[in-house]
Amino acid sequence: MTYIESIRGYPYMPKQQLADEFHIGKTTVYSRLKEIEEEIRNGRYSDYAIINDGNIVLVNVLVFIDYMTYRRRLREKNTRKYVPVFNPAEISKIIGWENKPVRIEGV
């Protein structure tokens, strides 16, 4: 017998949870979100990267990981052109959010 095992996490987190998950200060999260908003305006990320509805602010975890990974290069004019295109599927695979076939022998 074969079945598909699906491992996923919730793709959005509030600011405090991001700070806790990544072991960074809430102030750092706030400043990174301002920078991510700039990248949304530049077209790197879609409008769905940050859900902002008044007091409800949720951040796409895959966007946050990508931005933290490439932040230094994105901030520099000469190096940002070498940053790979945002690939949420690749990040999902790396962090273990994936579908994989599982075979059970003898069933």
C-alpha atoms as a PDB file:
ATOM      1  CA  MET A   1       0.000   0.000   0.000  1.00  0.00           C
ATOM      2  CA  THR A   2       1.203   3.506  -0.799  1.00  0.00           C
ATOM      3  CA  TYR A   3      -0.122   6.774   0.552  1.00  0.00           C
ATOM      4  CA  ILE A   4       0.986  10.404   0.444  1.00  0.00           C
ATOM      5  CA  GLU A   5       2.195  11.908   3.698  1.00  0.00           C
ATOM      6  CA  SER A   6       1.705  15.666   3.777  1.00  0.00           C
ATOM      7  CA  ILE A   7       3.773  17.685   6.220  1.00  0.00           C
ATOM      8  CA  ARG A   8       2.875  21.353   6.426  1.00  0.00           C
ATOM      9  CA  GLY A   9       3.082  24.237   8.787  1.00  0.00           C
ATOM     10  CA  TYR A  10       0.834  27.254   9.033  1.00  0.00           C
ATOM     11  CA  PRO A  11       2.294  29.686   6.474  1.00  0.00           C
ATOM     12  CA  TYR A  12       1.474  32.861   8.419  1.00  0.00           C
ATOM     13  CA  MET A  13       2.633  33.975  11.858  1.00  0.00           C
ATOM     14  CA  PRO A  14       2.053  37.080  13.956  1.00  0.00           C
ATOM     15  CA  LYS A  15       5.074  39.281  14.701  1.00  0.00           C
ATOM     16  CA  GLN A  16       5.582  37.997  18.245  1.00  0.00           C
ATOM     17  CA  GLN A  17       5.563  34.374  17.119  1.00  0.00           C
ATOM     18  CA  LEU A  18       8.132  35.182  14.396  1.00  0.00           C
ATOM     19  CA  ALA A  19      10.344  36.773  17.030  1.00  0.00           C
ATOM     20  CA  ASP A  20      10.010  33.693  19.236  1.00  0.00           C
ATOM     21  CA  GLU A  21      10.504  31.164  16.413  1.00  0.00           C
ATOM     22  CA  PHE A  22      13.612  32.858  15.024  1.00  0.00           C
ATOM     23  CA  HIS A  23      15.022  33.925  18.417  1.00  0.00           C
ATOM     24  CA  ILE A  24      15.173  37.582  17.461  1.00  0.00           C
ATOM     25  CA  GLY A  25      13.747  40.692  19.075  1.00  0.00           C
ATOM     26  CA  LYS A  26      10.351  42.079  18.193  1.00  0.00           C
ATOM     27  CA  THR A  27      12.032  45.327  17.133  1.00  0.00           C
ATOM     28  CA  THR A  28      14.097  43.380  14.607  1.00  0.00           C
ATOM     29  CA  VAL A  29      10.921  41.788  13.252  1.00  0.00           C
ATOM     30  CA  TYR A  30       9.329  45.250  12.882  1.00  0.00           C
ATOM     31  CA  SER A  31      12.314  46.608  10.951  1.00  0.00           C
ATOM     32  CA  ARG A  32      12.465  43.516   8.698  1.00  0.00           C
ATOM     33  CA  LEU A  33       8.753  43.889   7.940  1.00  0.00           C
ATOM     34  CA  LYS A  34       9.317  47.483   6.811  1.00  0.00           C
ATOM     35  CA  GLU A  35      12.069  46.214   4.515  1.00  0.00           C
ATOM     36  CA  ILE A  36       9.849  43.385   3.211  1.00  0.00           C
ATOM     37  CA  GLU A  37       7.136  45.962   2.458  1.00  0.00           C
ATOM     38  CA  GLU A  38       9.716  47.777   0.332  1.00  0.00           C
ATOM     39  CA  GLU A  39      10.435  44.505  -1.509  1.00  0.00           C
ATOM     40  CA  ILE A  40       6.685  44.066  -2.078  1.00  0.00           C
ATOM     41  CA  ARG A  41       6.650  47.496  -3.746  1.00  0.00           C
ATOM     42  CA  ASN A  42       9.717  46.463  -5.799  1.00  0.00           C
ATOM     43  CA  GLY A  43       7.914  43.314  -6.977  1.00  0.00           C
ATOM     44  CA  ARG A  44       9.967  40.592  -5.270  1.00  0.00           C
ATOM     45  CA  TYR A  45       7.048  39.446  -3.109  1.00  0.00           C
ATOM     46  CA  SER A  46       3.297  39.573  -3.719  1.00  0.00           C
ATOM     47  CA  ASP A  47       0.778  41.543  -1.710  1.00  0.00           C
ATOM     48  CA  TYR A  48       0.024  38.303   0.183  1.00  0.00           C
ATOM     49  CA  ALA A  49       3.451  38.350   1.853  1.00  0.00           C
ATOM     50  CA  ILE A  50       2.061  40.403   4.745  1.00  0.00           C
ATOM     51  CA  ILE A  51      -1.571  40.422   5.799  1.00  0.00           C
ATOM     52  CA  ASN A  52      -2.197  43.769   7.456  1.00  0.00           C
ATOM     53  CA  ASP A  53      -5.727  44.419   8.676  1.00  0.00           C
ATOM     54  CA  GLY A  54      -5.536  47.020  11.411  1.00  0.00           C
ATOM     55  CA  ASN A  55      -4.240  45.326  14.554  1.00  0.00           C
ATOM     56  CA  ILE A  56      -4.012  41.971  12.755  1.00  0.00           C
ATOM     57  CA  VAL A  57      -0.606  41.587  11.126  1.00  0.00           C
ATOM     58  CA  LEU A  58       0.397  38.164   9.816  1.00  0.00           C
ATOM     59  CA  VAL A  59       3.614  37.467   7.936  1.00  0.00           C
ATOM     60  CA  ASN A  60       4.212  34.683   5.435  1.00  0.00           C
ATOM     61  CA  VAL A  61       6.921  32.528   6.993  1.00  0.00           C
ATOM     62  CA  LEU A  62       8.404  31.521   3.620  1.00  0.00           C
ATOM     63  CA  VAL A  63       8.792  35.188   2.654  1.00  0.00           C
ATOM     64  CA  PHE A  64      10.413  35.943   6.009  1.00  0.00           C
ATOM     65  CA  ILE A  65      12.910  33.068   5.635  1.00  0.00           C
ATOM     66  CA  ASP A  66      13.765  34.133   2.088  1.00  0.00           C
ATOM     67  CA  TYR A  67      14.234  37.758   3.100  1.00  0.00           C
ATOM     68  CA  MET A  68      16.398  36.899   6.104  1.00  0.00           C
ATOM     69  CA  THR A  69      18.526  34.640   3.877  1.00  0.00           C
ATOM     70  CA  TYR A  70      19.129  37.234   1.167  1.00  0.00           C
ATOM     71  CA  ARG A  71      18.708  40.476   3.117  1.00  0.00           C
ATOM     72  CA  ARG A  72      22.299  41.677   2.875  1.00  0.00           C
ATOM     73  CA  ARG A  73      22.421  41.109  -0.870  1.00  0.00           C
ATOM     74  CA  LEU A  74      18.987  42.645  -1.436  1.00  0.00           C
ATOM     75  CA  ARG A  75      19.997  45.805   0.431  1.00  0.00           C
ATOM     76  CA  GLU A  76      23.017  46.390  -1.838  1.00  0.00           C
ATOM     77  CA  LYS A  77      22.425  47.746  -5.337  1.00  0.00           C
ATOM     78  CA  ASN A  78      25.334  45.817  -6.869  1.00  0.00           C
ATOM     79  CA  THR A  79      24.549  42.429  -5.308  1.00  0.00           C
ATOM     80  CA  ARG A  80      20.748  42.341  -5.455  1.00  0.00           C
ATOM     81  CA  LYS A  81      20.849  41.412  -9.151  1.00  0.00           C
ATOM     82  CA  TYR A  82      22.496  38.103  -8.165  1.00  0.00           C
ATOM     83  CA  VAL A  83      19.797  37.106  -5.673  1.00  0.00           C
ATOM     84  CA  PRO A  84      17.749  34.164  -6.989  1.00  0.00           C
ATOM     85  CA  VAL A  85      14.041  34.622  -7.652  1.00  0.00           C
ATOM     86  CA  PHE A  86      11.818  33.950  -4.637  1.00  0.00           C
ATOM     87  CA  ASN A  87      10.977  30.239  -4.717  1.00  0.00           C
ATOM     88  CA  PRO A  88       8.523  29.281  -1.948  1.00  0.00           C
ATOM     89  CA  ALA A  89       8.374  25.641  -3.140  1.00  0.00           C
ATOM     90  CA  GLU A  90      12.122  25.229  -2.608  1.00  0.00           C
ATOM     91  CA  ILE A  91      11.976  26.810   0.839  1.00  0.00           C
ATOM     92  CA  SER A  92       9.028  24.567   1.771  1.00  0.00           C
ATOM     93  CA  LYS A  93      11.038  21.520   0.764  1.00  0.00           C
ATOM     94  CA  ILE A  94      14.114  22.628   2.713  1.00  0.00           C
ATOM     95  CA  ILE A  95      12.154  23.263   5.922  1.00  0.00           C
ATOM     96  CA  GLY A  96      10.327  19.946   5.624  1.00  0.00           C
ATOM     97  CA  TRP A  97       6.902  21.073   4.419  1.00  0.00           C
ATOM     98  CA  GLU A  98       6.390  18.581   1.647  1.00  0.00           C
ATOM     99  CA  ASN A  99       4.387  15.703   0.280  1.00  0.00           C
ATOM    100  CA  LYS A 100       6.145  12.367   0.077  1.00  0.00           C
ATOM    101  CA  PRO A 101       4.977   8.915  -0.894  1.00  0.00           C
ATOM    102  CA  VAL A 102       5.112   6.327   1.893  1.00  0.00           C
ATOM    103  CA  ARG A 103       5.016   2.592   1.142  1.00  0.00           C
ATOM    104  CA  ILE A 104       3.820   0.051   3.653  1.00  0.00           C
ATOM    105  CA  GLU A 105       4.983  -3.428   2.767  1.00  0.00           C
ATOM    106  CA  GLY A 106       2.729  -6.406   3.400  1.00  0.00           C
ATOM    107  CA  VAL A 107      -0.552  -4.524   3.577  1.00  0.00           C
END
